[in-house]
Amino acid sequence: MRKVKFFLTLVLLAITSGCISSDWEKPIIAEYDLSKDTDKQVIVFVEQPGWLNAEDNLQYYITRAFSYQLINNVGFEPKMIIPYAELSDYRSKLKDASMRSPLNIAKGMNADLAIFVKVDGYHLYDMDATGFYKGYLAAQVLLVDVETKEKLWPNNAKSKNLKVAVDIESRGRDAAVKRLTGALAHCSVRYLYDCLKKRFKISEDRTSLGWGDQ
């Protein structure tokens, strides 16, 4: 009798394990399926307020991280994403750049879609001068149709408010910045394609800790 119970227990565990594994492989349906728009030109426009104490070039790193996500997970060709260098060059040639809205600049660069990232908070520091870094990055993100000015995502809020953090990074400041910006890009773009459940949540995500859509 004990052998039978033991056998049944093993069978039940195997079935349960299979169900969990199968569920883990299922995708979380996109809030907005950007993969259907891969034939459109995309620009990532990062706003970094002057008062923000961010000596690192966050605009460059955030743009690069979003581009990586769009290419590797959504399916965009690199040529369909306007490079950060082109955006910087275009803005530097505008006499009234500071007077123009991000949407106006996006339209001037012939972008079809714009991902706007407004950095709300950033702090990164060397823990007791040990070479180990800790920090966080917070931002508001939204996707807009440049021509119609329609907000495509999120559809139930003004923006997607996100926060990511690195508790400890031993490889130096540059690596910590890349982790933060990479995490922010992942936590944003994961809503724009059918992301597998096992890849959806990452350790750097702190969005659920008192942060939500507005």
N, C-alpha and C. Protein backbone atom coordinates (compact mmCIF):
# COMPACT_ATOMS: atom_id res chain seq x y z
N MET A 1 0.83 -1.20 0.00
CA MET A 1 0.00 0.00 0.00
C MET A 1 0.86 1.26 0.00
N ARG A 2 1.93 1.18 0.79
CA ARG A 2 2.83 2.34 0.86
C ARG A 2 3.49 2.59 -0.49
N LYS A 3 3.83 1.49 -1.19
CA LYS A 3 4.47 1.63 -2.51
C LYS A 3 3.51 2.29 -3.50
N VAL A 4 2.23 1.92 -3.40
CA VAL A 4 1.23 2.50 -4.29
C VAL A 4 1.09 4.00 -4.02
N LYS A 5 1.03 4.39 -2.73
CA LYS A 5 0.91 5.80 -2.36
C LYS A 5 2.12 6.59 -2.83
N PHE A 6 3.29 5.97 -2.67
CA PHE A 6 4.53 6.62 -3.09
C PHE A 6 4.54 6.84 -4.60
N PHE A 7 4.07 5.81 -5.33
CA PHE A 7 4.01 5.90 -6.80
C PHE A 7 3.04 6.99 -7.24
N LEU A 8 1.88 7.04 -6.59
CA LEU A 8 0.88 8.05 -6.93
C LEU A 8 1.38 9.45 -6.63
N THR A 9 2.13 9.56 -5.54
CA THR A 9 2.72 10.86 -5.18
C THR A 9 3.69 11.33 -6.24
N LEU A 10 4.52 10.40 -6.74
CA LEU A 10 5.48 10.74 -7.79
C LEU A 10 4.76 11.17 -9.07
N VAL A 11 3.69 10.45 -9.42
CA VAL A 11 2.92 10.79 -10.61
C VAL A 11 2.31 12.18 -10.49
N LEU A 12 1.74 12.48 -9.30
CA LEU A 12 1.13 13.78 -9.05
C LEU A 12 2.16 14.89 -9.15
N LEU A 13 3.34 14.66 -8.58
CA LEU A 13 4.41 15.65 -8.64
C LEU A 13 4.85 15.90 -10.08
N ALA A 14 4.92 14.83 -10.86
CA ALA A 14 5.33 14.96 -12.26
C ALA A 14 4.32 15.77 -13.05
N ILE A 15 3.03 15.48 -12.80
CA ILE A 15 1.97 16.21 -13.51
C ILE A 15 1.98 17.68 -13.12
N THR A 16 2.11 17.95 -11.82
CA THR A 16 2.14 19.33 -11.32
C THR A 16 3.33 20.09 -11.88
N SER A 17 4.48 19.42 -11.88
CA SER A 17 5.70 20.05 -12.40
C SER A 17 5.54 20.38 -13.87
N GLY A 18 4.89 19.47 -14.61
CA GLY A 18 4.67 19.70 -16.03
C GLY A 18 3.76 20.87 -16.28
N CYS A 19 2.73 21.03 -15.45
CA CYS A 19 1.79 22.14 -15.59
C CYS A 19 2.46 23.46 -15.32
N ILE A 20 3.30 23.47 -14.26
CA ILE A 20 4.02 24.70 -13.90
C ILE A 20 4.98 25.10 -15.01
N SER A 21 5.71 24.07 -15.54
CA SER A 21 6.67 24.34 -16.60
C SER A 21 5.96 24.85 -17.85
N SER A 22 4.82 24.23 -18.17
CA SER A 22 4.05 24.64 -19.34
C SER A 22 3.53 26.07 -19.20
N ASP A 23 3.04 26.40 -18.01
CA ASP A 23 2.53 27.75 -17.75
C ASP A 23 3.64 28.78 -17.84
N TRP A 24 4.81 28.40 -17.38
CA TRP A 24 5.97 29.30 -17.39
C TRP A 24 6.40 29.65 -18.81
N GLU A 25 6.13 28.74 -19.75
CA GLU A 25 6.51 28.94 -21.14
C GLU A 25 5.48 29.75 -21.92
N LYS A 26 4.33 30.01 -21.32
CA LYS A 26 3.28 30.75 -22.01
C LYS A 26 3.62 32.24 -22.07
N PRO A 27 3.21 32.91 -23.15
CA PRO A 27 3.48 34.35 -23.25
C PRO A 27 2.44 35.18 -22.51
N ILE A 28 2.86 36.32 -22.03
CA ILE A 28 1.93 37.31 -21.49
C ILE A 28 1.56 38.23 -22.65
N ILE A 29 0.28 38.27 -22.99
CA ILE A 29 -0.17 39.00 -24.17
C ILE A 29 0.17 40.48 -24.05
N ALA A 30 0.68 41.03 -25.13
CA ALA A 30 1.10 42.44 -25.17
C ALA A 30 -0.06 43.39 -24.91
N GLU A 31 0.23 44.46 -24.19
CA GLU A 31 -0.78 45.51 -24.00
C GLU A 31 -0.97 46.29 -25.31
N TYR A 32 0.10 46.41 -26.06
CA TYR A 32 0.04 46.95 -27.42
C TYR A 32 1.05 46.16 -28.24
N ASP A 33 0.60 45.55 -29.31
CA ASP A 33 1.47 44.68 -30.11
C ASP A 33 2.27 45.51 -31.11
N LEU A 34 3.46 45.88 -30.70
CA LEU A 34 4.31 46.71 -31.56
C LEU A 34 4.93 45.90 -32.69
N SER A 35 4.89 44.58 -32.60
CA SER A 35 5.49 43.74 -33.63
C SER A 35 4.77 43.88 -34.97
N LYS A 36 3.55 44.40 -34.96
CA LYS A 36 2.82 44.61 -36.22
C LYS A 36 3.22 45.93 -36.89
N ASP A 37 4.06 46.70 -36.22
CA ASP A 37 4.47 48.01 -36.75
C ASP A 37 5.95 48.07 -37.08
N THR A 38 6.56 46.92 -37.33
CA THR A 38 8.01 46.90 -37.57
C THR A 38 8.42 47.52 -38.89
N ASP A 39 7.43 47.88 -39.71
CA ASP A 39 7.74 48.55 -40.98
C ASP A 39 7.76 50.07 -40.81
N LYS A 40 7.58 50.52 -39.58
CA LYS A 40 7.55 51.96 -39.31
C LYS A 40 8.84 52.43 -38.65
N GLN A 41 9.16 53.72 -38.89
CA GLN A 41 10.36 54.32 -38.32
C GLN A 41 10.10 54.72 -36.87
N VAL A 42 11.00 54.31 -35.99
CA VAL A 42 10.82 54.57 -34.56
C VAL A 42 11.94 55.45 -34.01
N ILE A 43 11.54 56.37 -33.13
CA ILE A 43 12.53 57.18 -32.42
C ILE A 43 12.31 57.02 -30.92
N VAL A 44 13.41 56.94 -30.19
CA VAL A 44 13.35 56.90 -28.73
C VAL A 44 13.83 58.26 -28.23
N PHE A 45 12.93 58.98 -27.60
CA PHE A 45 13.23 60.34 -27.17
C PHE A 45 13.27 60.37 -25.64
N VAL A 46 14.44 60.64 -25.10
CA VAL A 46 14.64 60.62 -23.64
C VAL A 46 14.76 62.05 -23.11
N GLU A 47 13.92 62.36 -22.15
CA GLU A 47 13.99 63.65 -21.48
C GLU A 47 14.67 63.47 -20.13
N GLN A 48 15.77 64.17 -19.96
CA GLN A 48 16.53 64.11 -18.71
C GLN A 48 16.56 65.52 -18.14
N PRO A 49 15.75 65.81 -17.13
CA PRO A 49 15.67 67.16 -16.59
C PRO A 49 17.01 67.68 -16.07
N GLY A 50 17.21 68.98 -16.25
CA GLY A 50 18.48 69.59 -15.85
C GLY A 50 18.79 69.48 -14.38
N TRP A 51 17.73 69.45 -13.54
CA TRP A 51 17.96 69.41 -12.11
C TRP A 51 18.39 68.02 -11.62
N LEU A 52 18.24 67.03 -12.50
CA LEU A 52 18.57 65.66 -12.10
C LEU A 52 20.07 65.49 -11.99
N ASN A 53 20.52 64.99 -10.86
CA ASN A 53 21.94 64.76 -10.64
C ASN A 53 22.35 63.46 -11.31
N ALA A 54 22.59 63.56 -12.60
CA ALA A 54 22.94 62.37 -13.37
C ALA A 54 24.13 62.67 -14.27
N GLU A 55 25.31 62.41 -13.76
CA GLU A 55 26.51 62.72 -14.52
C GLU A 55 26.71 61.75 -15.68
N ASP A 56 26.08 60.60 -15.60
CA ASP A 56 26.19 59.63 -16.67
C ASP A 56 25.30 60.04 -17.84
N ASN A 57 25.70 59.65 -19.04
CA ASN A 57 24.93 60.00 -20.22
C ASN A 57 23.73 59.05 -20.34
N LEU A 58 22.73 59.30 -19.52
CA LEU A 58 21.57 58.42 -19.48
C LEU A 58 20.81 58.40 -20.79
N GLN A 59 20.73 59.54 -21.46
CA GLN A 59 19.99 59.60 -22.71
C GLN A 59 20.55 58.62 -23.73
N TYR A 60 21.86 58.57 -23.81
CA TYR A 60 22.51 57.64 -24.75
C TYR A 60 22.27 56.19 -24.33
N TYR A 61 22.52 55.89 -23.07
CA TYR A 61 22.39 54.50 -22.60
C TYR A 61 20.94 54.01 -22.66
N ILE A 62 19.99 54.87 -22.32
CA ILE A 62 18.58 54.47 -22.37
C ILE A 62 18.16 54.21 -23.82
N THR A 63 18.56 55.11 -24.73
CA THR A 63 18.23 54.93 -26.14
C THR A 63 18.81 53.62 -26.67
N ARG A 64 20.05 53.36 -26.33
CA ARG A 64 20.69 52.12 -26.79
C ARG A 64 20.00 50.89 -26.24
N ALA A 65 19.60 50.94 -24.97
CA ALA A 65 18.93 49.80 -24.35
C ALA A 65 17.57 49.54 -24.98
N PHE A 66 16.81 50.60 -25.25
CA PHE A 66 15.51 50.44 -25.90
C PHE A 66 15.68 49.90 -27.32
N SER A 67 16.68 50.39 -28.02
CA SER A 67 16.93 49.91 -29.38
C SER A 67 17.23 48.42 -29.38
N TYR A 68 18.00 47.98 -28.41
CA TYR A 68 18.33 46.55 -28.28
C TYR A 68 17.06 45.72 -28.10
N GLN A 69 16.17 46.18 -27.23
CA GLN A 69 14.92 45.47 -26.98
C GLN A 69 14.04 45.43 -28.22
N LEU A 70 13.95 46.55 -28.90
CA LEU A 70 13.11 46.63 -30.10
C LEU A 70 13.61 45.72 -31.22
N ILE A 71 14.92 45.62 -31.34
CA ILE A 71 15.51 44.78 -32.38
C ILE A 71 15.42 43.29 -32.02
N ASN A 72 15.80 42.96 -30.80
CA ASN A 72 15.93 41.55 -30.42
C ASN A 72 14.64 40.90 -29.94
N ASN A 73 13.69 41.69 -29.44
CA ASN A 73 12.46 41.09 -28.92
C ASN A 73 11.20 41.43 -29.71
N VAL A 74 11.17 42.63 -30.28
CA VAL A 74 9.98 43.03 -31.04
C VAL A 74 10.11 42.67 -32.52
N GLY A 75 11.34 42.73 -33.04
CA GLY A 75 11.57 42.33 -34.42
C GLY A 75 11.88 43.45 -35.39
N PHE A 76 12.23 44.63 -34.88
CA PHE A 76 12.58 45.75 -35.76
C PHE A 76 13.96 45.53 -36.39
N GLU A 77 14.10 45.98 -37.63
CA GLU A 77 15.42 46.03 -38.26
C GLU A 77 16.13 47.26 -37.70
N PRO A 78 17.45 47.17 -37.49
CA PRO A 78 18.19 48.32 -36.95
C PRO A 78 17.97 49.61 -37.73
N LYS A 79 17.80 49.50 -39.05
CA LYS A 79 17.62 50.68 -39.89
C LYS A 79 16.30 51.41 -39.62
N MET A 80 15.36 50.74 -38.93
CA MET A 80 14.07 51.35 -38.65
C MET A 80 14.06 52.12 -37.33
N ILE A 81 15.19 52.13 -36.64
CA ILE A 81 15.29 52.85 -35.37
C ILE A 81 16.28 54.00 -35.54
N ILE A 82 15.81 55.20 -35.31
CA ILE A 82 16.65 56.39 -35.47
C ILE A 82 17.73 56.41 -34.38
N PRO A 83 19.00 56.42 -34.77
CA PRO A 83 20.09 56.38 -33.79
C PRO A 83 20.15 57.63 -32.91
N TYR A 84 20.68 57.45 -31.72
CA TYR A 84 20.83 58.57 -30.79
C TYR A 84 21.70 59.67 -31.38
N ALA A 85 22.75 59.27 -32.10
CA ALA A 85 23.67 60.26 -32.69
C ALA A 85 22.95 61.15 -33.70
N GLU A 86 22.04 60.57 -34.48
CA GLU A 86 21.30 61.36 -35.46
C GLU A 86 20.36 62.35 -34.78
N LEU A 87 19.73 61.90 -33.71
CA LEU A 87 18.84 62.78 -32.95
C LEU A 87 19.63 63.93 -32.34
N SER A 88 20.76 63.63 -31.76
CA SER A 88 21.60 64.67 -31.14
C SER A 88 22.08 65.67 -32.18
N ASP A 89 22.48 65.17 -33.34
CA ASP A 89 22.96 66.04 -34.41
C ASP A 89 21.84 66.94 -34.93
N TYR A 90 20.65 66.36 -35.09
CA TYR A 90 19.50 67.13 -35.57
C TYR A 90 19.14 68.25 -34.60
N ARG A 91 19.12 67.93 -33.32
CA ARG A 91 18.77 68.93 -32.30
C ARG A 91 19.82 70.03 -32.22
N SER A 92 21.09 69.66 -32.39
CA SER A 92 22.16 70.65 -32.29
C SER A 92 22.10 71.68 -33.41
N LYS A 93 21.48 71.32 -34.52
CA LYS A 93 21.39 72.22 -35.67
C LYS A 93 20.14 73.10 -35.64
N LEU A 94 19.26 72.83 -34.69
CA LEU A 94 18.04 73.64 -34.57
C LEU A 94 18.31 74.87 -33.71
N LYS A 95 18.03 76.03 -34.23
CA LYS A 95 18.24 77.25 -33.46
C LYS A 95 17.23 77.36 -32.31
N ASP A 96 16.06 76.77 -32.52
CA ASP A 96 15.01 76.86 -31.50
C ASP A 96 14.70 75.49 -30.88
N ALA A 97 15.71 74.65 -30.74
CA ALA A 97 15.52 73.29 -30.23
C ALA A 97 14.83 73.28 -28.87
N SER A 98 15.20 74.21 -28.01
CA SER A 98 14.64 74.24 -26.66
C SER A 98 13.17 74.63 -26.65
N MET A 99 12.72 75.25 -27.76
CA MET A 99 11.34 75.70 -27.85
C MET A 99 10.43 74.65 -28.50
N ARG A 100 11.03 73.66 -29.10
CA ARG A 100 10.25 72.64 -29.80
C ARG A 100 9.88 71.48 -28.86
N SER A 101 8.71 70.94 -29.09
CA SER A 101 8.26 69.80 -28.30
C SER A 101 8.94 68.53 -28.82
N PRO A 102 9.07 67.52 -27.97
CA PRO A 102 9.64 66.24 -28.43
C PRO A 102 8.89 65.68 -29.63
N LEU A 103 7.57 65.84 -29.65
CA LEU A 103 6.77 65.33 -30.77
C LEU A 103 7.10 66.08 -32.05
N ASN A 104 7.32 67.38 -31.94
CA ASN A 104 7.68 68.18 -33.10
C ASN A 104 9.02 67.75 -33.67
N ILE A 105 9.96 67.47 -32.78
CA ILE A 105 11.28 67.02 -33.21
C ILE A 105 11.19 65.64 -33.86
N ALA A 106 10.38 64.77 -33.27
CA ALA A 106 10.19 63.42 -33.83
C ALA A 106 9.63 63.50 -35.24
N LYS A 107 8.68 64.40 -35.43
CA LYS A 107 8.07 64.59 -36.76
C LYS A 107 9.09 65.15 -37.73
N GLY A 108 9.92 66.06 -37.26
CA GLY A 108 10.95 66.66 -38.11
C GLY A 108 11.97 65.64 -38.58
N MET A 109 12.11 64.54 -37.82
CA MET A 109 13.05 63.49 -38.20
C MET A 109 12.36 62.35 -38.95
N ASN A 110 11.12 62.60 -39.34
CA ASN A 110 10.34 61.64 -40.13
C ASN A 110 10.08 60.32 -39.41
N ALA A 111 9.93 60.40 -38.11
CA ALA A 111 9.60 59.20 -37.34
C ALA A 111 8.09 58.94 -37.44
N ASP A 112 7.72 57.67 -37.48
CA ASP A 112 6.31 57.29 -37.49
C ASP A 112 5.80 57.07 -36.07
N LEU A 113 6.66 56.47 -35.26
CA LEU A 113 6.32 56.17 -33.87
C LEU A 113 7.39 56.74 -32.96
N ALA A 114 6.97 57.18 -31.79
CA ALA A 114 7.93 57.73 -30.82
C ALA A 114 7.71 57.08 -29.45
N ILE A 115 8.80 56.62 -28.88
CA ILE A 115 8.77 56.15 -27.49
C ILE A 115 9.37 57.26 -26.65
N PHE A 116 8.55 57.88 -25.83
CA PHE A 116 9.02 58.96 -24.97
C PHE A 116 9.35 58.42 -23.59
N VAL A 117 10.53 58.75 -23.12
CA VAL A 117 10.99 58.32 -21.80
C VAL A 117 11.36 59.56 -21.00
N LYS A 118 10.61 59.83 -19.97
CA LYS A 118 10.89 60.98 -19.11
C LYS A 118 11.48 60.48 -17.80
N VAL A 119 12.75 60.77 -17.59
CA VAL A 119 13.43 60.33 -16.38
C VAL A 119 12.95 61.16 -15.19
N ASP A 120 12.44 60.48 -14.18
CA ASP A 120 11.93 61.16 -12.98
C ASP A 120 12.91 61.13 -11.82
N GLY A 121 13.74 60.10 -11.78
CA GLY A 121 14.67 59.97 -10.67
C GLY A 121 15.82 59.06 -11.02
N TYR A 122 16.97 59.38 -10.47
CA TYR A 122 18.17 58.57 -10.73
C TYR A 122 19.19 58.83 -9.62
N HIS A 123 19.73 57.75 -9.10
CA HIS A 123 20.78 57.88 -8.10
C HIS A 123 21.66 56.64 -8.15
N LEU A 124 22.94 56.85 -8.27
CA LEU A 124 23.89 55.75 -8.33
C LEU A 124 25.12 56.15 -7.54
N TYR A 125 25.53 55.30 -6.62
CA TYR A 125 26.67 55.67 -5.79
C TYR A 125 27.55 54.48 -5.46
N ASP A 126 28.80 54.79 -5.19
CA ASP A 126 29.80 53.81 -4.78
C ASP A 126 29.59 53.53 -3.30
N MET A 127 29.30 52.30 -2.94
CA MET A 127 29.01 51.94 -1.55
C MET A 127 30.27 52.00 -0.69
N ASP A 128 30.37 53.06 0.10
CA ASP A 128 31.51 53.23 1.01
C ASP A 128 32.86 53.15 0.29
N ALA A 129 32.87 53.67 -0.95
CA ALA A 129 34.10 53.70 -1.75
C ALA A 129 34.73 52.31 -1.89
N THR A 130 33.90 51.30 -2.03
CA THR A 130 34.38 49.92 -2.16
C THR A 130 34.49 49.47 -3.61
N GLY A 131 33.92 50.27 -4.53
CA GLY A 131 33.89 49.86 -5.91
C GLY A 131 32.64 49.07 -6.26
N PHE A 132 31.79 48.89 -5.26
CA PHE A 132 30.49 48.23 -5.47
C PHE A 132 29.42 49.32 -5.56
N TYR A 133 28.60 49.24 -6.61
CA TYR A 133 27.63 50.30 -6.85
C TYR A 133 26.20 49.86 -6.57
N LYS A 134 25.42 50.84 -6.12
CA LYS A 134 24.00 50.63 -5.84
C LYS A 134 23.23 51.84 -6.35
N GLY A 135 22.03 51.62 -6.88
CA GLY A 135 21.28 52.76 -7.36
C GLY A 135 19.92 52.40 -7.93
N TYR A 136 19.22 53.42 -8.39
CA TYR A 136 17.90 53.22 -8.97
C TYR A 136 17.68 54.19 -10.13
N LEU A 137 16.69 53.87 -10.95
CA LEU A 137 16.30 54.70 -12.09
C LEU A 137 14.78 54.64 -12.21
N ALA A 138 14.14 55.80 -12.27
CA ALA A 138 12.68 55.86 -12.39
C ALA A 138 12.32 56.70 -13.60
N ALA A 139 11.27 56.29 -14.30
CA ALA A 139 10.88 57.02 -15.51
C ALA A 139 9.43 56.78 -15.88
N GLN A 140 8.90 57.71 -16.67
CA GLN A 140 7.58 57.57 -17.28
C GLN A 140 7.79 57.26 -18.75
N VAL A 141 7.06 56.28 -19.26
CA VAL A 141 7.25 55.84 -20.64
C VAL A 141 5.91 55.78 -21.36
N LEU A 142 5.88 56.22 -22.62
CA LEU A 142 4.67 56.09 -23.43
C LEU A 142 5.03 55.98 -24.90
N LEU A 143 4.13 55.39 -25.67
CA LEU A 143 4.30 55.20 -27.11
C LEU A 143 3.26 56.05 -27.83
N VAL A 144 3.73 56.83 -28.82
CA VAL A 144 2.84 57.77 -29.52
C VAL A 144 2.98 57.63 -31.02
N ASP A 145 1.84 57.77 -31.72
CA ASP A 145 1.84 57.87 -33.18
C ASP A 145 2.18 59.32 -33.52
N VAL A 146 3.29 59.53 -34.20
CA VAL A 146 3.79 60.89 -34.44
C VAL A 146 2.84 61.70 -35.31
N GLU A 147 2.29 61.09 -36.35
CA GLU A 147 1.43 61.82 -37.29
C GLU A 147 0.11 62.24 -36.64
N THR A 148 -0.55 61.31 -35.98
CA THR A 148 -1.88 61.59 -35.41
C THR A 148 -1.80 62.15 -33.99
N LYS A 149 -0.61 62.02 -33.37
CA LYS A 149 -0.40 62.44 -31.99
C LYS A 149 -1.18 61.58 -30.99
N GLU A 150 -1.65 60.45 -31.46
CA GLU A 150 -2.42 59.54 -30.60
C GLU A 150 -1.50 58.73 -29.70
N LYS A 151 -1.84 58.67 -28.42
CA LYS A 151 -1.08 57.82 -27.50
C LYS A 151 -1.54 56.38 -27.70
N LEU A 152 -0.62 55.53 -28.10
CA LEU A 152 -0.94 54.15 -28.39
C LEU A 152 -0.81 53.25 -27.16
N TRP A 153 0.08 53.64 -26.26
CA TRP A 153 0.34 52.84 -25.05
C TRP A 153 0.96 53.73 -23.99
N PRO A 154 0.58 53.53 -22.72
CA PRO A 154 -0.48 52.63 -22.24
C PRO A 154 -1.86 53.22 -22.53
N ASN A 155 -2.85 52.36 -22.65
CA ASN A 155 -4.18 52.86 -23.01
C ASN A 155 -5.06 53.17 -21.81
N ASN A 156 -4.57 52.85 -20.62
CA ASN A 156 -5.38 53.09 -19.42
C ASN A 156 -4.73 54.08 -18.45
N ALA A 157 -3.75 54.81 -18.94
CA ALA A 157 -3.04 55.78 -18.09
C ALA A 157 -2.30 56.77 -18.96
N LYS A 158 -1.86 57.87 -18.36
CA LYS A 158 -1.10 58.88 -19.09
C LYS A 158 0.26 58.34 -19.52
N SER A 159 0.83 57.50 -18.65
CA SER A 159 2.14 56.92 -18.95
C SER A 159 2.31 55.67 -18.11
N LYS A 160 3.31 54.87 -18.49
CA LYS A 160 3.68 53.71 -17.69
C LYS A 160 4.81 54.16 -16.77
N ASN A 161 4.54 54.16 -15.47
CA ASN A 161 5.55 54.58 -14.51
C ASN A 161 6.34 53.38 -14.04
N LEU A 162 7.65 53.47 -14.19
CA LEU A 162 8.52 52.33 -13.90
C LEU A 162 9.68 52.73 -13.00
N LYS A 163 10.11 51.77 -12.23
CA LYS A 163 11.28 51.98 -11.39
C LYS A 163 12.10 50.69 -11.35
N VAL A 164 13.40 50.84 -11.57
CA VAL A 164 14.30 49.69 -11.50
C VAL A 164 15.45 50.04 -10.56
N ALA A 165 16.07 49.01 -10.00
CA ALA A 165 17.15 49.27 -9.05
C ALA A 165 18.19 48.15 -9.11
N VAL A 166 19.40 48.54 -8.78
CA VAL A 166 20.51 47.59 -8.66
C VAL A 166 20.97 47.62 -7.21
N ASP A 167 20.90 46.48 -6.54
CA ASP A 167 21.28 46.43 -5.13
C ASP A 167 22.79 46.40 -4.95
N ILE A 168 23.46 45.73 -5.87
CA ILE A 168 24.93 45.70 -5.81
C ILE A 168 25.49 45.31 -7.18
N GLU A 169 26.47 46.06 -7.62
CA GLU A 169 27.16 45.78 -8.88
C GLU A 169 28.65 45.90 -8.64
N SER A 170 29.37 44.83 -8.84
CA SER A 170 30.79 44.78 -8.52
C SER A 170 31.71 45.11 -9.69
N ARG A 171 31.14 45.26 -10.89
CA ARG A 171 31.97 45.46 -12.08
C ARG A 171 32.21 46.92 -12.45
N GLY A 172 31.83 47.83 -11.56
CA GLY A 172 32.10 49.25 -11.82
C GLY A 172 30.87 50.05 -12.19
N ARG A 173 31.06 51.35 -12.27
CA ARG A 173 29.95 52.27 -12.51
C ARG A 173 29.30 52.06 -13.88
N ASP A 174 30.11 51.89 -14.91
CA ASP A 174 29.58 51.73 -16.25
C ASP A 174 28.66 50.51 -16.34
N ALA A 175 29.07 49.43 -15.71
CA ALA A 175 28.25 48.22 -15.70
C ALA A 175 26.93 48.45 -14.96
N ALA A 176 26.98 49.23 -13.89
CA ALA A 176 25.77 49.53 -13.12
C ALA A 176 24.79 50.37 -13.95
N VAL A 177 25.33 51.35 -14.68
CA VAL A 177 24.48 52.19 -15.54
C VAL A 177 23.83 51.33 -16.63
N LYS A 178 24.58 50.43 -17.22
CA LYS A 178 24.04 49.56 -18.26
C LYS A 178 22.97 48.63 -17.71
N ARG A 179 23.17 48.15 -16.49
CA ARG A 179 22.15 47.29 -15.87
C ARG A 179 20.85 48.05 -15.62
N LEU A 180 20.98 49.26 -15.12
CA LEU A 180 19.78 50.07 -14.83
C LEU A 180 19.03 50.42 -16.10
N THR A 181 19.75 50.91 -17.10
CA THR A 181 19.08 51.32 -18.33
C THR A 181 18.55 50.11 -19.10
N GLY A 182 19.28 49.00 -19.04
CA GLY A 182 18.81 47.78 -19.68
C GLY A 182 17.54 47.26 -19.02
N ALA A 183 17.51 47.35 -17.69
CA ALA A 183 16.33 46.90 -16.95
C ALA A 183 15.13 47.78 -17.25
N LEU A 184 15.34 49.10 -17.34
CA LEU A 184 14.25 50.01 -17.65
C LEU A 184 13.67 49.71 -19.04
N ALA A 185 14.56 49.47 -20.00
CA ALA A 185 14.11 49.16 -21.35
C ALA A 185 13.31 47.85 -21.38
N HIS A 186 13.82 46.85 -20.69
CA HIS A 186 13.11 45.56 -20.64
C HIS A 186 11.73 45.72 -20.02
N CYS A 187 11.67 46.42 -18.87
CA CYS A 187 10.41 46.58 -18.15
C CYS A 187 9.40 47.42 -18.92
N SER A 188 9.86 48.17 -19.89
CA SER A 188 8.97 48.96 -20.74
C SER A 188 8.51 48.15 -21.95
N VAL A 189 9.47 47.64 -22.70
CA VAL A 189 9.17 46.97 -23.97
C VAL A 189 8.48 45.62 -23.77
N ARG A 190 8.59 45.02 -22.59
CA ARG A 190 7.93 43.73 -22.35
C ARG A 190 6.41 43.82 -22.53
N TYR A 191 5.87 45.01 -22.43
CA TYR A 191 4.43 45.21 -22.61
C TYR A 191 4.05 45.38 -24.08
N LEU A 192 5.05 45.46 -24.95
CA LEU A 192 4.81 45.77 -26.36
C LEU A 192 5.00 44.57 -27.29
N TYR A 193 5.16 43.40 -26.73
CA TYR A 193 5.19 42.15 -27.50
C TYR A 193 4.77 41.03 -26.56
N ASP A 194 4.49 39.87 -27.11
CA ASP A 194 4.07 38.74 -26.28
C ASP A 194 5.29 38.14 -25.59
N CYS A 195 5.58 38.67 -24.43
CA CYS A 195 6.77 38.27 -23.67
C CYS A 195 6.49 36.99 -22.88
N LEU A 196 7.39 36.02 -22.95
CA LEU A 196 7.22 34.79 -22.19
C LEU A 196 7.18 35.10 -20.70
N LYS A 197 6.32 34.38 -20.00
CA LYS A 197 6.13 34.61 -18.57
C LYS A 197 7.45 34.48 -17.81
N LYS A 198 8.28 33.52 -18.21
CA LYS A 198 9.54 33.27 -17.50
C LYS A 198 10.54 34.42 -17.68
N ARG A 199 10.33 35.26 -18.69
CA ARG A 199 11.24 36.37 -18.95
C ARG A 199 10.66 37.72 -18.54
N PHE A 200 9.38 37.73 -18.22
CA PHE A 200 8.69 38.99 -17.96
C PHE A 200 9.25 39.72 -16.73
N LYS A 201 9.34 39.03 -15.64
CA LYS A 201 9.80 39.64 -14.39
C LYS A 201 11.31 39.49 -14.25
N ILE A 202 11.98 40.57 -13.86
CA ILE A 202 13.43 40.52 -13.62
C ILE A 202 13.73 41.05 -12.22
N SER A 203 14.89 40.71 -11.72
CA SER A 203 15.24 41.05 -10.33
C SER A 203 15.36 42.55 -10.09
N GLU A 204 15.69 43.31 -11.14
CA GLU A 204 15.87 44.76 -10.97
C GLU A 204 14.54 45.53 -10.92
N ASP A 205 13.45 44.88 -11.25
CA ASP A 205 12.15 45.55 -11.31
C ASP A 205 11.65 45.92 -9.91
N ARG A 206 11.38 47.20 -9.71
CA ARG A 206 10.85 47.68 -8.42
C ARG A 206 9.52 48.42 -8.63
N THR A 207 8.94 48.27 -9.79
CA THR A 207 7.74 49.02 -10.15
C THR A 207 6.59 48.77 -9.19
N SER A 208 6.43 47.54 -8.74
CA SER A 208 5.30 47.18 -7.88
C SER A 208 5.43 47.74 -6.46
N LEU A 209 6.59 48.22 -6.11
CA LEU A 209 6.82 48.73 -4.76
C LEU A 209 6.41 50.20 -4.65
N GLY A 210 5.12 50.41 -4.64
CA GLY A 210 4.61 51.78 -4.48
C GLY A 210 4.57 52.58 -5.74
N TRP A 211 4.75 51.92 -6.90
CA TRP A 211 4.72 52.63 -8.17
C TRP A 211 3.62 52.06 -9.03
N GLY A 212 2.94 52.93 -9.76
CA GLY A 212 1.87 52.47 -10.64
C GLY A 212 1.66 53.43 -11.77
N ASP A 213 0.72 53.13 -12.62
CA ASP A 213 0.42 54.01 -13.74
C ASP A 213 -0.29 55.25 -13.26
N GLN A 214 -0.09 56.32 -13.97
CA GLN A 214 -0.77 57.58 -13.64
C GLN A 214 -1.59 58.05 -14.84
